[in-house]
C-alpha atoms as a PDB file:
ATOM      1  CA  MET A   1      78.077 -76.824 174.527  1.00  0.00           C
ATOM      2  CA  ALA A   2      79.660 -75.870 171.223  1.00  0.00           C
ATOM      3  CA  GLY A   3      80.396 -72.229 170.797  1.00  0.00           C
ATOM      4  CA  ALA A   4      79.936 -71.358 174.510  1.00  0.00           C
ATOM      5  CA  GLY A   5      83.674 -70.548 174.864  1.00  0.00           C
ATOM      6  CA  HIS A   6      83.763 -67.356 172.946  1.00  0.00           C
ATOM      7  CA  LYS A   7      82.759 -63.832 173.824  1.00  0.00           C
ATOM      8  CA  HIS A   8      80.439 -61.744 171.599  1.00  0.00           C
ATOM      9  CA  PRO A   9      82.172 -59.429 169.276  1.00  0.00           C
ATOM     10  CA  ASN A  10      81.568 -55.619 169.483  1.00  0.00           C
ATOM     11  CA  TYR A  11      79.130 -55.341 166.667  1.00  0.00           C
ATOM     12  CA  MET A  12      79.170 -51.525 166.842  1.00  0.00           C
ATOM     13  CA  ALA A  13      82.932 -51.493 166.139  1.00  0.00           C
ATOM     14  CA  ILE A  14      82.399 -53.872 163.154  1.00  0.00           C
ATOM     15  CA  PHE A  15      79.729 -51.504 161.954  1.00  0.00           C
ATOM     16  CA  TRP A  16      81.973 -48.447 162.052  1.00  0.00           C
ATOM     17  CA  TYR A  17      84.806 -50.310 160.383  1.00  0.00           C
ATOM     18  CA  LEU A  18      82.392 -51.250 157.499  1.00  0.00           C
ATOM     19  CA  ALA A  19      81.179 -47.607 157.401  1.00  0.00           C
ATOM     20  CA  ILE A  20      84.863 -46.389 157.159  1.00  0.00           C
ATOM     21  CA  LEU A  21      85.547 -48.854 154.340  1.00  0.00           C
ATOM     22  CA  THR A  22      82.457 -47.609 152.566  1.00  0.00           C
ATOM     23  CA  VAL A  23      83.675 -44.113 152.925  1.00  0.00           C
ATOM     24  CA  LEU A  24      87.079 -45.113 151.507  1.00  0.00           C
ATOM     25  CA  GLU A  25      85.296 -46.926 148.589  1.00  0.00           C
ATOM     26  CA  ILE A  26      83.490 -43.730 147.683  1.00  0.00           C
ATOM     27  CA  GLY A  27      86.767 -41.806 147.922  1.00  0.00           C
ATOM     28  CA  VAL A  28      88.485 -44.314 145.516  1.00  0.00           C
ATOM     29  CA  VAL A  29      86.022 -43.469 142.861  1.00  0.00           C
ATOM     30  CA  PHE A  30      87.294 -39.905 142.830  1.00  0.00           C
ATOM     31  CA  LEU A  31      90.911 -40.738 142.696  1.00  0.00           C
ATOM     32  CA  PRO A  32      92.824 -39.724 139.485  1.00  0.00           C
ATOM     33  CA  PHE A  33      94.029 -43.222 138.663  1.00  0.00           C
ATOM     34  CA  GLY A  34      93.106 -45.411 135.651  1.00  0.00           C
ATOM     35  CA  LYS A  35      90.067 -47.658 135.646  1.00  0.00           C
ATOM     36  CA  PHE A  36      92.144 -50.671 136.309  1.00  0.00           C
ATOM     37  CA  THR A  37      93.831 -49.351 139.389  1.00  0.00           C
ATOM     38  CA  ASN A  38      90.514 -47.974 140.748  1.00  0.00           C
ATOM     39  CA  GLY A  39      88.856 -51.319 140.109  1.00  0.00           C
ATOM     40  CA  VAL A  40      91.623 -53.128 141.947  1.00  0.00           C
ATOM     41  CA  MET A  41      91.391 -50.827 144.965  1.00  0.00           C
ATOM     42  CA  LEU A  42      87.537 -51.145 144.987  1.00  0.00           C
ATOM     43  CA  CYS A  43      87.766 -54.937 144.732  1.00  0.00           C
ATOM     44  CA  ALA A  44      90.384 -55.152 147.621  1.00  0.00           C
ATOM     45  CA  LEU A  45      88.125 -52.946 149.805  1.00  0.00           C
ATOM     46  CA  ALA A  46      85.113 -55.071 148.969  1.00  0.00           C
ATOM     47  CA  VAL A  47      86.971 -58.281 149.897  1.00  0.00           C
ATOM     48  CA  GLY A  48      87.840 -56.585 153.204  1.00  0.00           C
ATOM     49  CA  LYS A  49      84.258 -55.800 153.951  1.00  0.00           C
ATOM     50  CA  ALA A  50      83.115 -59.329 152.970  1.00  0.00           C
ATOM     51  CA  ALA A  51      85.771 -60.785 155.268  1.00  0.00           C
ATOM     52  CA  LEU A  52      84.631 -58.647 158.150  1.00  0.00           C
ATOM     53  CA  VAL A  53      80.943 -59.652 157.555  1.00  0.00           C
ATOM     54  CA  ALA A  54      81.791 -63.360 157.189  1.00  0.00           C
ATOM     55  CA  MET A  55      84.167 -63.391 160.209  1.00  0.00           C
ATOM     56  CA  TYR A  56      81.808 -61.578 162.667  1.00  0.00           C
ATOM     57  CA  PHE A  57      78.245 -61.486 161.623  1.00  0.00           C
ATOM     58  CA  MET A  58      78.362 -65.170 160.073  1.00  0.00           C
ATOM     59  CA  HIS A  59      80.458 -66.075 163.089  1.00  0.00           C
ATOM     60  CA  LEU A  60      83.176 -67.859 160.972  1.00  0.00           C
ATOM     61  CA  ARG A  61      85.994 -66.467 163.225  1.00  0.00           C
ATOM     62  CA  PHE A  62      84.765 -68.710 165.900  1.00  0.00           C
ATOM     63  CA  GLU A  63      84.307 -71.849 163.952  1.00  0.00           C
ATOM     64  CA  THR A  64      86.664 -74.503 163.122  1.00  0.00           C
ATOM     65  CA  LYS A  65      89.391 -74.087 160.419  1.00  0.00           C
ATOM     66  CA  THR A  66      87.648 -76.675 158.077  1.00  0.00           C
ATOM     67  CA  LEU A  67      84.582 -74.558 158.009  1.00  0.00           C
ATOM     68  CA  GLY A  68      86.610 -71.579 157.131  1.00  0.00           C
ATOM     69  CA  TRP A  69      88.204 -73.414 154.128  1.00  0.00           C
ATOM     70  CA  ILE A  70      84.727 -74.421 153.067  1.00  0.00           C
ATOM     71  CA  ALA A  71      83.701 -70.744 153.062  1.00  0.00           C
ATOM     72  CA  VAL A  72      86.971 -69.601 151.291  1.00  0.00           C
ATOM     73  CA  THR A  73      86.756 -72.239 148.568  1.00  0.00           C
ATOM     74  CA  PRO A  74      84.005 -70.647 146.339  1.00  0.00           C
ATOM     75  CA  LEU A  75      85.913 -67.421 146.414  1.00  0.00           C
ATOM     76  CA  ALA A  76      88.887 -69.173 144.972  1.00  0.00           C
ATOM     77  CA  ILE A  77      86.662 -70.733 142.361  1.00  0.00           C
ATOM     78  CA  ALA A  78      85.163 -67.443 141.498  1.00  0.00           C
ATOM     79  CA  THR A  79      88.541 -65.811 141.121  1.00  0.00           C
ATOM     80  CA  LEU A  80      89.692 -68.543 138.825  1.00  0.00           C
ATOM     81  CA  LEU A  81      86.550 -68.133 136.732  1.00  0.00           C
ATOM     82  CA  VAL A  82      87.215 -64.513 136.280  1.00  0.00           C
ATOM     83  CA  PHE A  83      90.772 -65.122 135.040  1.00  0.00           C
ATOM     84  CA  VAL A  84      89.448 -67.846 132.608  1.00  0.00           C
ATOM     85  CA  LEU A  85      86.814 -65.452 131.151  1.00  0.00           C
ATOM     86  CA  LEU A  86      88.954 -62.357 130.842  1.00  0.00           C
ATOM     87  CA  PRO A  87      90.414 -63.293 127.486  1.00  0.00           C
ATOM     88  CA  ASP A  88      86.785 -63.627 125.949  1.00  0.00           C
ATOM     89  CA  GLY A  89      85.942 -60.167 127.285  1.00  0.00           C
ATOM     90  CA  PHE A  90      89.005 -58.540 125.730  1.00  0.00           C
ATOM     91  CA  ALA A  91      88.243 -60.370 122.422  1.00  0.00           C
ATOM     92  CA  VAL A  92      84.720 -58.853 122.408  1.00  0.00           C
ATOM     93  CA  ALA A  93      86.038 -55.573 123.112  1.00  0.00           C
ATOM     94  CA  LYS A  94      88.637 -55.848 120.362  1.00  0.00           C
ATOM     95  CA  LYS A  95      86.065 -57.005 117.837  1.00  0.00           C
ATOM     96  CA  THR A  96      83.733 -54.089 118.859  1.00  0.00           C
ATOM     97  CA  ASP A  97      86.554 -51.581 118.245  1.00  0.00           C
ATOM     98  CA  ASP A  98      87.488 -53.135 114.870  1.00  0.00           C
ATOM     99  CA  SER A  99      83.853 -52.933 113.675  1.00  0.00           C
ATOM    100  CA  LYS A 100      83.676 -49.253 114.640  1.00  0.00           C
ATOM    101  CA  LYS A 101      86.731 -48.493 112.460  1.00  0.00           C
ATOM    102  CA  VAL A 102      85.382 -50.424 109.386  1.00  0.00           C
ATOM    103  CA  ALA A 103      81.842 -48.866 109.608  1.00  0.00           C
ATOM    104  CA  PRO A 104      82.760 -45.319 108.577  1.00  0.00           C
ATOM    105  CA  ALA A 105      84.992 -46.463 105.752  1.00  0.00           C
ATOM    106  CA  ALA A 106      82.209 -48.708 104.244  1.00  0.00           C
ATOM    107  CA  ALA A 107      79.707 -45.737 104.544  1.00  0.00           C
ATOM    108  CA  SER A 108      81.875 -43.382 102.616  1.00  0.00           C
ATOM    109  CA  LYS A 109      82.080 -45.582  99.599  1.00  0.00           C
ATOM    110  CA  HIS A 110      78.415 -45.251  98.916  1.00  0.00           C
END
């Protein structure tokens, strides 16, 4: 019988951990740091919550290591995708900022 050897986790404890992490996320929003720092802290808390859900509610903690690697692989690919697309996002923001600077100068010539 597969999976008969592990005891059931304390789901209420996991619920309270998730609730505490949610309160911390709400608190991070009001911290006087920059957007980037707040974003990094919020992402770290979200990854922690996702790990708790995956480990206990999806029962990955009690599975073989191979299944765990299969679950982590999409996270690594998504992280790589974000870093690959970041330069494009900054290019669009810069182009938008440049067009805002040019528009008032062109309007004053008329």
